[in-house]
Amino acid sequence: MTEVALPTTSPVLGVRAHGDTGLLVEVADVAHALALHAALRAAPPPGLLDLVPAARSVLVRVPPGTDLAALAASVRAVRVEAPAAGTAVAAGPIVDVPVVYDGADLASVAALTGLTPAEVVAVHTGQLWTVAFAGFAPGFGYLAGADARLTVPRLRVPRTSVPAGAVGLAGEFSGIYPRASPGGWQLIGRTDHPMWRPDRDPPAVLTPGVRVRFSERAS
C-alpha cells in the first residue's frame, strides 16, 4: 500500500522583532499556533530559550545577540501539516479530568448552542482538548477543541468570584479556574483535579501542548 504524504505549508503570516531577544510570529488561528509551537518544540532553532504560544501567535525567545534575521528565516522555513479549520493539532501528554456537570450556566449554554444540557456534556467529554496557551492566572490553560458547537460568548457581566475548579466555556475555548477569582466564563461544571501543584516542575498541570480528556462523574 502506497503511503500518501499529507500536504504541508508554512503557518507563518508575519514575523516581528520582540526587542532584541525574540520574535513574535503571527499565524492565522489557534490551530496554526499549536502546529507551529509543536514543530518548533520538536526541532528547536539554535539558542532557543522559550516558546510562548497565544491565540494567533507564538513568541520565540532567544538570548541577546542572536541573529534575529537568521532566526526569522529559520522560522519561516518551518512546514507543518495544514490543520483543518477548527481543529487542534498536538500530540502532548493526556491529563484526565473528572467533572461534575452542575455549573450555574449549563442551561444557558444549552440554550445558546441549541443543545440539551446532556448533549453539552456529551460534546465536552467527547473530544480531546489541547492547551493552546496559558494566561489570566497561574495554571489557567486555554483549551482548544475540534468541535465548534460549544462556542459561546463570555458573560456580559463577569462574576466577582468564581470558585477554584470551576470548568467553563468562553468563545472557542474551555478552561478550568485554578483558584478562586473573578471571571466571565460560562460555568458548566466543577472538578477537584489540581491545576497548580508547587511540588511539580513546572507547577502548572496544564501547559501548552498538553491534552485534556474530560469525563463525567457523579457529585
N, C-alpha and C. Protein backbone atom coordinates (compact mmCIF):
# COMPACT_ATOMS: atom_id res chain seq x y z
N MET A 1 0.85 -1.19 0.00
CA MET A 1 0.00 0.00 0.00
C MET A 1 0.89 1.25 0.00
N THR A 2 0.65 2.15 -0.93
CA THR A 2 1.46 3.34 -1.05
C THR A 2 1.01 4.41 -0.07
N GLU A 3 1.96 4.92 0.70
CA GLU A 3 1.62 5.99 1.65
C GLU A 3 1.50 7.32 0.91
N VAL A 4 0.50 8.08 1.25
CA VAL A 4 0.29 9.39 0.64
C VAL A 4 0.74 10.45 1.63
N ALA A 5 1.69 11.26 1.22
CA ALA A 5 2.21 12.32 2.09
C ALA A 5 1.15 13.41 2.27
N LEU A 6 0.95 13.80 3.52
CA LEU A 6 0.00 14.86 3.77
C LEU A 6 0.58 16.20 3.34
N PRO A 7 -0.24 17.13 2.83
CA PRO A 7 0.29 18.42 2.40
C PRO A 7 0.82 19.22 3.58
N THR A 8 1.91 19.92 3.34
CA THR A 8 2.48 20.78 4.38
C THR A 8 2.52 22.21 3.88
N THR A 9 2.56 23.13 4.83
CA THR A 9 2.57 24.53 4.48
C THR A 9 3.25 25.32 5.59
N SER A 10 3.67 26.54 5.28
CA SER A 10 4.19 27.41 6.32
C SER A 10 3.01 28.06 7.04
N PRO A 11 2.95 27.98 8.36
CA PRO A 11 1.86 28.63 9.09
C PRO A 11 2.11 30.11 9.33
N VAL A 12 3.27 30.61 8.95
CA VAL A 12 3.70 31.97 9.32
C VAL A 12 3.05 33.01 8.41
N LEU A 13 2.36 33.97 9.03
CA LEU A 13 1.81 35.11 8.30
C LEU A 13 2.70 36.33 8.40
N GLY A 14 3.40 36.46 9.50
CA GLY A 14 4.27 37.61 9.69
C GLY A 14 5.21 37.37 10.85
N VAL A 15 6.34 38.07 10.84
CA VAL A 15 7.34 37.95 11.89
C VAL A 15 7.79 39.34 12.29
N ARG A 16 7.75 39.63 13.60
CA ARG A 16 8.19 40.92 14.12
C ARG A 16 9.20 40.72 15.23
N ALA A 17 10.19 41.60 15.28
CA ALA A 17 11.16 41.53 16.37
C ALA A 17 10.47 41.85 17.69
N HIS A 18 10.84 41.13 18.72
CA HIS A 18 10.35 41.37 20.07
C HIS A 18 11.54 41.83 20.90
N GLY A 19 11.85 43.13 20.82
CA GLY A 19 13.07 43.63 21.41
C GLY A 19 14.26 43.02 20.70
N ASP A 20 15.34 42.73 21.45
CA ASP A 20 16.50 42.08 20.85
C ASP A 20 16.65 40.65 21.34
N THR A 21 15.57 40.11 21.93
CA THR A 21 15.65 38.76 22.49
C THR A 21 14.55 37.83 21.99
N GLY A 22 13.94 38.16 20.86
CA GLY A 22 12.92 37.25 20.38
C GLY A 22 12.19 37.73 19.16
N LEU A 23 11.30 36.86 18.69
CA LEU A 23 10.45 37.16 17.55
C LEU A 23 9.00 36.85 17.92
N LEU A 24 8.08 37.69 17.47
CA LEU A 24 6.66 37.41 17.58
C LEU A 24 6.20 36.92 16.22
N VAL A 25 5.84 35.66 16.15
CA VAL A 25 5.46 35.03 14.89
C VAL A 25 3.94 34.97 14.81
N GLU A 26 3.38 35.61 13.81
CA GLU A 26 1.92 35.70 13.67
C GLU A 26 1.41 34.59 12.76
N VAL A 27 0.29 33.98 13.18
CA VAL A 27 -0.35 32.91 12.41
C VAL A 27 -1.85 33.20 12.31
N ALA A 28 -2.56 32.31 11.59
CA ALA A 28 -3.96 32.60 11.29
C ALA A 28 -4.90 32.35 12.46
N ASP A 29 -4.64 31.29 13.23
CA ASP A 29 -5.59 30.91 14.26
C ASP A 29 -4.93 29.99 15.28
N VAL A 30 -5.72 29.52 16.22
CA VAL A 30 -5.21 28.67 17.30
C VAL A 30 -4.60 27.38 16.75
N ALA A 31 -5.26 26.77 15.78
CA ALA A 31 -4.75 25.50 15.25
C ALA A 31 -3.36 25.68 14.65
N HIS A 32 -3.14 26.78 13.93
CA HIS A 32 -1.82 27.02 13.34
C HIS A 32 -0.80 27.38 14.43
N ALA A 33 -1.23 28.08 15.48
CA ALA A 33 -0.32 28.39 16.58
C ALA A 33 0.13 27.10 17.27
N LEU A 34 -0.80 26.17 17.48
CA LEU A 34 -0.46 24.88 18.08
C LEU A 34 0.49 24.09 17.18
N ALA A 35 0.22 24.10 15.89
CA ALA A 35 1.07 23.35 14.96
C ALA A 35 2.48 23.92 14.93
N LEU A 36 2.60 25.25 14.89
CA LEU A 36 3.93 25.87 14.86
C LEU A 36 4.66 25.63 16.17
N HIS A 37 3.94 25.77 17.29
CA HIS A 37 4.55 25.54 18.60
C HIS A 37 5.08 24.11 18.69
N ALA A 38 4.31 23.15 18.23
CA ALA A 38 4.73 21.75 18.29
C ALA A 38 5.95 21.51 17.39
N ALA A 39 5.96 22.13 16.20
CA ALA A 39 7.08 21.94 15.28
C ALA A 39 8.37 22.55 15.83
N LEU A 40 8.28 23.74 16.41
CA LEU A 40 9.47 24.39 16.95
C LEU A 40 9.96 23.67 18.21
N ARG A 41 9.03 23.11 18.97
CA ARG A 41 9.43 22.36 20.15
C ARG A 41 10.13 21.06 19.76
N ALA A 42 9.68 20.44 18.67
CA ALA A 42 10.28 19.19 18.21
C ALA A 42 11.65 19.42 17.57
N ALA A 43 11.81 20.55 16.89
CA ALA A 43 13.09 20.86 16.24
C ALA A 43 13.44 22.31 16.56
N PRO A 44 13.91 22.58 17.79
CA PRO A 44 14.15 23.95 18.22
C PRO A 44 15.28 24.63 17.45
N PRO A 45 15.10 25.90 17.11
CA PRO A 45 16.19 26.65 16.45
C PRO A 45 17.34 26.87 17.44
N PRO A 46 18.54 27.11 16.95
CA PRO A 46 19.70 27.30 17.83
C PRO A 46 19.48 28.43 18.84
N GLY A 47 19.80 28.15 20.11
CA GLY A 47 19.71 29.17 21.15
C GLY A 47 18.34 29.36 21.74
N LEU A 48 17.36 28.56 21.32
CA LEU A 48 16.00 28.76 21.82
C LEU A 48 15.94 28.68 23.34
N LEU A 49 15.32 29.70 23.96
CA LEU A 49 15.13 29.71 25.40
C LEU A 49 13.71 29.32 25.80
N ASP A 50 12.74 29.78 25.02
CA ASP A 50 11.35 29.54 25.41
C ASP A 50 10.44 29.79 24.21
N LEU A 51 9.30 29.11 24.23
CA LEU A 51 8.23 29.33 23.26
C LEU A 51 6.97 29.68 24.03
N VAL A 52 6.32 30.77 23.64
CA VAL A 52 5.11 31.22 24.34
C VAL A 52 3.99 31.35 23.31
N PRO A 53 3.14 30.32 23.19
CA PRO A 53 2.03 30.40 22.23
C PRO A 53 0.90 31.26 22.74
N ALA A 54 0.15 31.81 21.81
CA ALA A 54 -1.07 32.57 22.12
C ALA A 54 -2.13 32.19 21.10
N ALA A 55 -3.22 32.94 21.04
CA ALA A 55 -4.33 32.56 20.16
C ALA A 55 -3.95 32.62 18.69
N ARG A 56 -3.13 33.61 18.30
CA ARG A 56 -2.76 33.76 16.89
C ARG A 56 -1.29 34.14 16.73
N SER A 57 -0.47 33.68 17.65
CA SER A 57 0.95 33.98 17.56
C SER A 57 1.75 33.01 18.42
N VAL A 58 3.05 32.99 18.16
CA VAL A 58 4.00 32.25 19.00
C VAL A 58 5.20 33.16 19.23
N LEU A 59 5.53 33.41 20.49
CA LEU A 59 6.70 34.20 20.83
C LEU A 59 7.90 33.25 20.94
N VAL A 60 8.93 33.55 20.18
CA VAL A 60 10.16 32.74 20.19
C VAL A 60 11.23 33.55 20.94
N ARG A 61 11.64 33.09 22.11
CA ARG A 61 12.61 33.81 22.93
C ARG A 61 14.00 33.19 22.79
N VAL A 62 14.99 34.07 22.59
CA VAL A 62 16.38 33.65 22.40
C VAL A 62 17.29 34.59 23.18
N PRO A 63 18.57 34.25 23.35
CA PRO A 63 19.47 35.12 24.11
C PRO A 63 19.78 36.42 23.37
N PRO A 64 20.13 37.49 24.09
CA PRO A 64 20.58 38.73 23.43
C PRO A 64 21.77 38.43 22.52
N GLY A 65 21.80 39.12 21.39
CA GLY A 65 22.88 38.92 20.45
C GLY A 65 22.59 37.89 19.38
N THR A 66 21.48 37.19 19.49
CA THR A 66 21.11 36.23 18.46
C THR A 66 20.81 36.95 17.15
N ASP A 67 21.20 36.36 16.05
CA ASP A 67 20.91 36.91 14.73
C ASP A 67 19.43 36.71 14.45
N LEU A 68 18.64 37.77 14.67
CA LEU A 68 17.19 37.63 14.53
C LEU A 68 16.76 37.44 13.08
N ALA A 69 17.53 37.99 12.14
CA ALA A 69 17.19 37.81 10.73
C ALA A 69 17.33 36.34 10.34
N ALA A 70 18.41 35.72 10.81
CA ALA A 70 18.60 34.30 10.52
C ALA A 70 17.54 33.46 11.22
N LEU A 71 17.20 33.84 12.44
CA LEU A 71 16.15 33.13 13.17
C LEU A 71 14.82 33.24 12.45
N ALA A 72 14.49 34.45 11.96
CA ALA A 72 13.24 34.64 11.24
C ALA A 72 13.18 33.78 9.99
N ALA A 73 14.31 33.69 9.28
CA ALA A 73 14.35 32.85 8.09
C ALA A 73 14.14 31.39 8.45
N SER A 74 14.71 30.96 9.59
CA SER A 74 14.54 29.59 10.04
C SER A 74 13.09 29.30 10.38
N VAL A 75 12.45 30.24 11.06
CA VAL A 75 11.04 30.06 11.45
C VAL A 75 10.15 30.04 10.21
N ARG A 76 10.42 30.92 9.26
CA ARG A 76 9.61 30.96 8.04
C ARG A 76 9.74 29.67 7.23
N ALA A 77 10.85 28.96 7.41
CA ALA A 77 11.08 27.73 6.65
C ALA A 77 10.35 26.53 7.25
N VAL A 78 9.80 26.69 8.46
CA VAL A 78 9.10 25.58 9.11
C VAL A 78 7.85 25.22 8.31
N ARG A 79 7.65 23.94 8.11
CA ARG A 79 6.47 23.45 7.41
C ARG A 79 5.70 22.53 8.35
N VAL A 80 4.38 22.66 8.36
CA VAL A 80 3.54 21.81 9.20
C VAL A 80 2.41 21.26 8.35
N GLU A 81 1.82 20.17 8.81
CA GLU A 81 0.61 19.68 8.15
C GLU A 81 -0.49 20.70 8.32
N ALA A 82 -1.12 21.06 7.23
CA ALA A 82 -2.14 22.09 7.27
C ALA A 82 -3.32 21.64 8.12
N PRO A 83 -3.57 22.30 9.27
CA PRO A 83 -4.69 21.88 10.12
C PRO A 83 -6.03 22.28 9.52
N ALA A 84 -7.00 21.39 9.63
CA ALA A 84 -8.34 21.73 9.18
C ALA A 84 -8.92 22.79 10.09
N ALA A 85 -9.83 23.58 9.56
CA ALA A 85 -10.44 24.65 10.34
C ALA A 85 -11.07 24.09 11.60
N GLY A 86 -10.78 24.73 12.74
CA GLY A 86 -11.38 24.36 14.00
C GLY A 86 -10.72 23.22 14.72
N THR A 87 -9.64 22.65 14.15
CA THR A 87 -9.00 21.52 14.82
C THR A 87 -7.85 21.99 15.68
N ALA A 88 -7.49 21.17 16.63
CA ALA A 88 -6.35 21.44 17.49
C ALA A 88 -5.28 20.39 17.21
N VAL A 89 -4.12 20.85 16.76
CA VAL A 89 -3.06 19.93 16.39
C VAL A 89 -2.06 19.83 17.52
N ALA A 90 -1.89 18.67 18.10
CA ALA A 90 -0.92 18.49 19.17
C ALA A 90 -0.81 17.01 19.47
N ALA A 91 0.29 16.63 20.10
CA ALA A 91 0.48 15.24 20.47
C ALA A 91 1.13 15.17 21.84
N GLY A 92 0.71 16.06 22.73
CA GLY A 92 1.28 16.09 24.07
C GLY A 92 0.64 15.06 24.97
N PRO A 93 1.11 14.98 26.22
CA PRO A 93 0.54 14.02 27.18
C PRO A 93 -0.92 14.34 27.46
N ILE A 94 -1.65 13.32 27.91
CA ILE A 94 -3.08 13.47 28.19
C ILE A 94 -3.31 13.53 29.69
N VAL A 95 -4.06 14.52 30.13
CA VAL A 95 -4.47 14.64 31.53
C VAL A 95 -5.97 14.35 31.61
N ASP A 96 -6.35 13.39 32.43
CA ASP A 96 -7.76 13.04 32.62
C ASP A 96 -8.35 13.89 33.74
N VAL A 97 -9.43 14.59 33.43
CA VAL A 97 -10.05 15.50 34.40
C VAL A 97 -11.52 15.11 34.60
N PRO A 98 -11.87 14.54 35.76
CA PRO A 98 -13.28 14.23 36.04
C PRO A 98 -14.04 15.49 36.43
N VAL A 99 -15.26 15.62 35.94
CA VAL A 99 -16.04 16.84 36.15
C VAL A 99 -17.46 16.49 36.61
N VAL A 100 -17.93 17.22 37.59
CA VAL A 100 -19.35 17.18 37.95
C VAL A 100 -20.02 18.29 37.15
N TYR A 101 -20.90 17.93 36.24
CA TYR A 101 -21.51 18.90 35.34
C TYR A 101 -22.79 19.47 35.95
N ASP A 102 -22.60 20.41 36.88
CA ASP A 102 -23.74 21.07 37.53
C ASP A 102 -23.53 22.58 37.57
N GLY A 103 -22.83 23.10 36.57
CA GLY A 103 -22.49 24.52 36.55
C GLY A 103 -23.70 25.42 36.45
N ALA A 104 -23.55 26.64 36.98
CA ALA A 104 -24.65 27.60 37.00
C ALA A 104 -25.10 28.01 35.61
N ASP A 105 -24.23 27.87 34.60
CA ASP A 105 -24.57 28.32 33.26
C ASP A 105 -24.82 27.17 32.29
N LEU A 106 -24.93 25.95 32.79
CA LEU A 106 -25.11 24.81 31.90
C LEU A 106 -26.37 24.95 31.06
N ALA A 107 -27.47 25.35 31.69
CA ALA A 107 -28.72 25.51 30.94
C ALA A 107 -28.61 26.64 29.92
N SER A 108 -27.93 27.72 30.29
CA SER A 108 -27.75 28.85 29.37
C SER A 108 -26.91 28.44 28.17
N VAL A 109 -25.85 27.67 28.42
CA VAL A 109 -25.01 27.19 27.33
C VAL A 109 -25.83 26.30 26.39
N ALA A 110 -26.67 25.46 26.97
CA ALA A 110 -27.53 24.61 26.15
C ALA A 110 -28.44 25.46 25.26
N ALA A 111 -29.02 26.50 25.83
CA ALA A 111 -29.91 27.36 25.06
C ALA A 111 -29.15 28.10 23.95
N LEU A 112 -27.94 28.56 24.25
CA LEU A 112 -27.14 29.31 23.28
C LEU A 112 -26.69 28.43 22.12
N THR A 113 -26.43 27.16 22.41
CA THR A 113 -25.91 26.27 21.38
C THR A 113 -26.97 25.45 20.67
N GLY A 114 -28.19 25.47 21.19
CA GLY A 114 -29.24 24.65 20.61
C GLY A 114 -29.15 23.19 21.00
N LEU A 115 -28.36 22.91 22.04
CA LEU A 115 -28.23 21.54 22.53
C LEU A 115 -28.99 21.38 23.83
N THR A 116 -29.20 20.16 24.25
CA THR A 116 -29.72 19.92 25.59
C THR A 116 -28.53 19.93 26.56
N PRO A 117 -28.79 20.11 27.86
CA PRO A 117 -27.67 20.03 28.82
C PRO A 117 -26.89 18.73 28.69
N ALA A 118 -27.58 17.61 28.49
CA ALA A 118 -26.90 16.32 28.34
C ALA A 118 -26.02 16.31 27.10
N GLU A 119 -26.49 16.95 26.03
CA GLU A 119 -25.69 17.00 24.80
C GLU A 119 -24.47 17.91 24.98
N VAL A 120 -24.61 18.99 25.76
CA VAL A 120 -23.45 19.83 26.06
C VAL A 120 -22.38 19.00 26.75
N VAL A 121 -22.79 18.21 27.73
CA VAL A 121 -21.84 17.36 28.45
C VAL A 121 -21.21 16.34 27.49
N ALA A 122 -22.02 15.78 26.61
CA ALA A 122 -21.52 14.77 25.67
C ALA A 122 -20.48 15.37 24.72
N VAL A 123 -20.72 16.58 24.25
CA VAL A 123 -19.76 17.23 23.35
C VAL A 123 -18.49 17.59 24.11
N HIS A 124 -18.65 18.06 25.34
CA HIS A 124 -17.48 18.47 26.14
C HIS A 124 -16.60 17.27 26.47
N THR A 125 -17.20 16.14 26.78
CA THR A 125 -16.44 14.95 27.15
C THR A 125 -16.06 14.10 25.94
N GLY A 126 -16.66 14.38 24.81
CA GLY A 126 -16.48 13.52 23.64
C GLY A 126 -15.32 13.90 22.74
N GLN A 127 -14.46 14.78 23.19
CA GLN A 127 -13.32 15.20 22.37
C GLN A 127 -12.11 15.43 23.26
N LEU A 128 -10.93 15.37 22.66
CA LEU A 128 -9.71 15.75 23.36
C LEU A 128 -9.50 17.25 23.18
N TRP A 129 -9.25 17.93 24.28
CA TRP A 129 -8.94 19.35 24.25
C TRP A 129 -7.43 19.52 24.37
N THR A 130 -6.91 20.61 23.81
CA THR A 130 -5.48 20.87 23.85
C THR A 130 -5.22 22.23 24.45
N VAL A 131 -4.25 22.31 25.36
CA VAL A 131 -3.87 23.60 25.94
C VAL A 131 -3.18 24.41 24.85
N ALA A 132 -3.88 25.41 24.33
CA ALA A 132 -3.32 26.24 23.27
C ALA A 132 -2.31 27.25 23.82
N PHE A 133 -2.66 27.83 24.96
CA PHE A 133 -1.76 28.79 25.61
C PHE A 133 -2.24 28.99 27.04
N ALA A 134 -1.43 29.64 27.84
CA ALA A 134 -1.76 29.89 29.24
C ALA A 134 -1.89 31.38 29.47
N GLY A 135 -2.64 31.75 30.50
CA GLY A 135 -2.82 33.16 30.79
C GLY A 135 -3.86 33.37 31.85
N PHE A 136 -4.20 34.62 32.08
CA PHE A 136 -5.24 35.04 33.02
C PHE A 136 -4.81 34.86 34.47
N ALA A 137 -4.38 33.65 34.82
CA ALA A 137 -3.93 33.35 36.19
C ALA A 137 -2.95 32.18 36.11
N PRO A 138 -2.01 32.06 37.05
CA PRO A 138 -1.09 30.93 37.04
C PRO A 138 -1.84 29.60 37.03
N GLY A 139 -1.52 28.77 36.05
CA GLY A 139 -2.17 27.47 35.96
C GLY A 139 -3.41 27.44 35.10
N PHE A 140 -3.83 28.59 34.55
CA PHE A 140 -5.03 28.62 33.72
C PHE A 140 -4.65 28.37 32.27
N GLY A 141 -5.14 27.26 31.70
CA GLY A 141 -4.87 26.93 30.32
C GLY A 141 -6.08 27.16 29.44
N TYR A 142 -5.88 27.78 28.31
CA TYR A 142 -6.95 27.97 27.32
C TYR A 142 -6.99 26.72 26.46
N LEU A 143 -8.07 25.96 26.56
CA LEU A 143 -8.19 24.66 25.91
C LEU A 143 -8.94 24.79 24.60
N ALA A 144 -8.31 24.33 23.52
CA ALA A 144 -8.94 24.36 22.19
C ALA A 144 -9.43 22.97 21.85
N GLY A 145 -10.61 22.91 21.25
CA GLY A 145 -11.18 21.64 20.84
C GLY A 145 -11.51 21.64 19.36
N ALA A 146 -11.85 20.48 18.83
CA ALA A 146 -12.14 20.35 17.41
C ALA A 146 -13.61 20.53 17.08
N ASP A 147 -14.48 20.55 18.10
CA ASP A 147 -15.92 20.65 17.88
C ASP A 147 -16.38 22.05 18.24
N ALA A 148 -16.82 22.80 17.24
CA ALA A 148 -17.16 24.21 17.44
C ALA A 148 -18.55 24.41 18.02
N ARG A 149 -19.28 23.35 18.31
CA ARG A 149 -20.66 23.52 18.78
C ARG A 149 -20.73 24.17 20.16
N LEU A 150 -19.64 24.16 20.93
CA LEU A 150 -19.68 24.76 22.26
C LEU A 150 -19.11 26.18 22.28
N THR A 151 -19.03 26.82 21.14
CA THR A 151 -18.57 28.21 21.08
C THR A 151 -19.67 29.13 21.61
N VAL A 152 -19.39 29.80 22.71
CA VAL A 152 -20.38 30.68 23.35
C VAL A 152 -19.69 31.95 23.82
N PRO A 153 -20.43 33.05 23.95
CA PRO A 153 -19.80 34.30 24.41
C PRO A 153 -19.53 34.27 25.91
N ARG A 154 -18.63 35.13 26.33
CA ARG A 154 -18.43 35.35 27.76
C ARG A 154 -19.68 36.00 28.35
N LEU A 155 -19.80 35.96 29.66
CA LEU A 155 -20.91 36.63 30.32
C LEU A 155 -20.80 38.14 30.09
N ARG A 156 -21.92 38.80 29.92
CA ARG A 156 -21.91 40.25 29.74
C ARG A 156 -21.42 40.95 31.00
N VAL A 157 -21.76 40.41 32.15
CA VAL A 157 -21.29 40.94 33.44
C VAL A 157 -20.52 39.84 34.15
N PRO A 158 -19.19 39.95 34.27
CA PRO A 158 -18.41 38.89 34.93
C PRO A 158 -18.80 38.72 36.39
N ARG A 159 -18.62 37.53 36.88
CA ARG A 159 -18.83 37.27 38.31
C ARG A 159 -17.68 37.87 39.12
N THR A 160 -17.98 38.31 40.29
CA THR A 160 -16.93 38.85 41.16
C THR A 160 -16.08 37.75 41.77
N SER A 161 -16.64 36.52 41.82
CA SER A 161 -15.87 35.41 42.36
C SER A 161 -16.32 34.10 41.72
N VAL A 162 -15.35 33.36 41.20
CA VAL A 162 -15.58 32.03 40.64
C VAL A 162 -14.74 31.06 41.46
N PRO A 163 -15.31 29.96 41.94
CA PRO A 163 -14.55 29.05 42.80
C PRO A 163 -13.46 28.30 42.05
N ALA A 164 -12.42 27.92 42.77
CA ALA A 164 -11.37 27.09 42.20
C ALA A 164 -11.97 25.78 41.70
N GLY A 165 -11.52 25.33 40.55
CA GLY A 165 -12.01 24.08 39.99
C GLY A 165 -13.21 24.24 39.08
N ALA A 166 -13.74 25.46 38.94
CA ALA A 166 -14.88 25.66 38.05
C ALA A 166 -14.43 25.44 36.60
N VAL A 167 -15.26 24.73 35.85
CA VAL A 167 -14.99 24.44 34.45
C VAL A 167 -15.91 25.30 33.59
N GLY A 168 -15.33 26.03 32.66
CA GLY A 168 -16.15 26.97 31.90
C GLY A 168 -15.85 26.98 30.41
N LEU A 169 -16.66 27.77 29.70
CA LEU A 169 -16.53 27.97 28.27
C LEU A 169 -16.56 29.46 27.99
N ALA A 170 -15.78 29.88 27.00
CA ALA A 170 -15.79 31.28 26.57
C ALA A 170 -15.22 31.34 25.16
N GLY A 171 -15.99 31.91 24.24
CA GLY A 171 -15.55 31.90 22.86
C GLY A 171 -15.39 30.47 22.39
N GLU A 172 -14.24 30.17 21.78
CA GLU A 172 -13.98 28.82 21.29
C GLU A 172 -13.24 27.95 22.29
N PHE A 173 -13.02 28.47 23.50
CA PHE A 173 -12.18 27.78 24.47
C PHE A 173 -12.96 27.22 25.66
N SER A 174 -12.36 26.20 26.29
CA SER A 174 -12.79 25.74 27.59
C SER A 174 -11.64 26.00 28.55
N GLY A 175 -11.94 26.04 29.85
CA GLY A 175 -10.89 26.31 30.82
C GLY A 175 -11.31 25.88 32.21
N ILE A 176 -10.32 25.76 33.09
CA ILE A 176 -10.54 25.36 34.48
C ILE A 176 -9.90 26.41 35.37
N TYR A 177 -10.69 27.01 36.25
CA TYR A 177 -10.15 28.02 37.15
C TYR A 177 -9.25 27.35 38.19
N PRO A 178 -7.95 27.72 38.22
CA PRO A 178 -7.04 27.06 39.17
C PRO A 178 -7.19 27.56 40.60
N ARG A 179 -7.81 28.72 40.77
CA ARG A 179 -8.03 29.27 42.10
C ARG A 179 -9.24 30.19 42.04
N ALA A 180 -9.78 30.55 43.20
CA ALA A 180 -10.93 31.46 43.23
C ALA A 180 -10.51 32.82 42.69
N SER A 181 -11.33 33.38 41.81
CA SER A 181 -11.01 34.67 41.20
C SER A 181 -12.24 35.21 40.48
N PRO A 182 -12.26 36.49 40.14
CA PRO A 182 -13.32 36.99 39.28
C PRO A 182 -13.24 36.30 37.91
N GLY A 183 -14.35 36.29 37.18
CA GLY A 183 -14.30 35.66 35.86
C GLY A 183 -15.62 35.76 35.13
N GLY A 184 -15.53 35.76 33.80
CA GLY A 184 -16.72 35.91 32.98
C GLY A 184 -17.01 34.73 32.08
N TRP A 185 -16.43 33.56 32.39
CA TRP A 185 -16.69 32.38 31.56
C TRP A 185 -18.01 31.73 31.95
N GLN A 186 -18.63 31.06 30.99
CA GLN A 186 -19.88 30.34 31.23
C GLN A 186 -19.54 29.03 31.96
N LEU A 187 -20.03 28.88 33.19
CA LEU A 187 -19.66 27.75 34.02
C LEU A 187 -20.58 26.56 33.77
N ILE A 188 -19.96 25.42 33.42
CA ILE A 188 -20.76 24.23 33.13
C ILE A 188 -20.51 23.10 34.13
N GLY A 189 -19.49 23.21 34.96
CA GLY A 189 -19.21 22.13 35.91
C GLY A 189 -18.08 22.49 36.86
N ARG A 190 -17.59 21.48 37.58
CA ARG A 190 -16.52 21.70 38.56
C ARG A 190 -15.71 20.41 38.70
N THR A 191 -14.44 20.60 39.06
CA THR A 191 -13.55 19.46 39.27
C THR A 191 -12.68 19.74 40.48
N ASP A 192 -12.22 18.66 41.13
CA ASP A 192 -11.27 18.82 42.21
C ASP A 192 -9.86 18.43 41.77
N HIS A 193 -9.69 18.25 40.46
CA HIS A 193 -8.36 17.93 39.94
C HIS A 193 -7.47 19.17 40.09
N PRO A 194 -6.30 19.06 40.72
CA PRO A 194 -5.46 20.24 40.94
C PRO A 194 -4.89 20.77 39.64
N MET A 195 -4.93 22.10 39.48
CA MET A 195 -4.38 22.74 38.30
C MET A 195 -3.01 23.35 38.58
N TRP A 196 -2.69 23.51 39.86
CA TRP A 196 -1.42 24.15 40.23
C TRP A 196 -0.83 23.37 41.39
N ARG A 197 0.35 22.77 41.17
CA ARG A 197 0.99 21.96 42.20
C ARG A 197 2.41 22.45 42.41
N PRO A 198 2.67 23.12 43.55
CA PRO A 198 4.01 23.65 43.80
C PRO A 198 5.10 22.59 43.84
N ASP A 199 4.72 21.32 44.06
CA ASP A 199 5.73 20.26 44.12
C ASP A 199 6.14 19.76 42.74
N ARG A 200 5.49 20.27 41.68
CA ARG A 200 5.82 19.86 40.32
C ARG A 200 6.76 20.86 39.67
N ASP A 201 7.42 20.43 38.59
CA ASP A 201 8.22 21.32 37.75
C ASP A 201 7.86 21.03 36.30
N PRO A 202 7.07 21.91 35.66
CA PRO A 202 6.54 23.18 36.18
C PRO A 202 5.34 22.94 37.09
N PRO A 203 5.02 23.92 37.94
CA PRO A 203 3.89 23.72 38.87
C PRO A 203 2.54 23.68 38.17
N ALA A 204 2.41 24.29 37.00
CA ALA A 204 1.14 24.26 36.27
C ALA A 204 0.93 22.88 35.66
N VAL A 205 -0.22 22.29 35.89
CA VAL A 205 -0.54 20.98 35.32
C VAL A 205 -0.83 21.10 33.83
N LEU A 206 -1.49 22.20 33.45
CA LEU A 206 -1.88 22.39 32.06
C LEU A 206 -0.94 23.40 31.40
N THR A 207 0.04 22.89 30.67
CA THR A 207 0.98 23.71 29.93
C THR A 207 0.70 23.54 28.43
N PRO A 208 1.12 24.50 27.60
CA PRO A 208 0.82 24.41 26.16
C PRO A 208 1.24 23.07 25.55
N GLY A 209 0.31 22.50 24.79
CA GLY A 209 0.54 21.21 24.15
C GLY A 209 -0.05 20.04 24.89
N VAL A 210 -0.28 20.19 26.20
CA VAL A 210 -0.91 19.12 26.98
C VAL A 210 -2.36 18.95 26.51
N ARG A 211 -2.79 17.71 26.41
CA ARG A 211 -4.17 17.44 26.03
C ARG A 211 -4.99 17.07 27.25
N VAL A 212 -6.27 17.40 27.21
CA VAL A 212 -7.16 17.17 28.35
C VAL A 212 -8.36 16.35 27.89
N ARG A 213 -8.63 15.30 28.65
CA ARG A 213 -9.82 14.47 28.40
C ARG A 213 -10.74 14.60 29.60
N PHE A 214 -11.91 15.22 29.39
CA PHE A 214 -12.89 15.38 30.45
C PHE A 214 -13.76 14.14 30.54
N SER A 215 -14.18 13.81 31.75
CA SER A 215 -15.14 12.72 31.95
C SER A 215 -16.16 13.15 32.99
N GLU A 216 -17.37 12.64 32.86
CA GLU A 216 -18.42 13.00 33.79
C GLU A 216 -18.39 12.09 34.99
N ARG A 217 -18.54 12.69 36.16
CA ARG A 217 -18.65 11.88 37.38
C ARG A 217 -19.81 12.40 38.22
N ALA A 218 -20.29 11.54 39.08
CA ALA A 218 -21.40 11.93 39.96
C ALA A 218 -20.90 12.90 41.01
N SER A 219 -21.80 13.70 41.55
CA SER A 219 -21.42 14.68 42.56
C SER A 219 -21.05 13.99 43.87
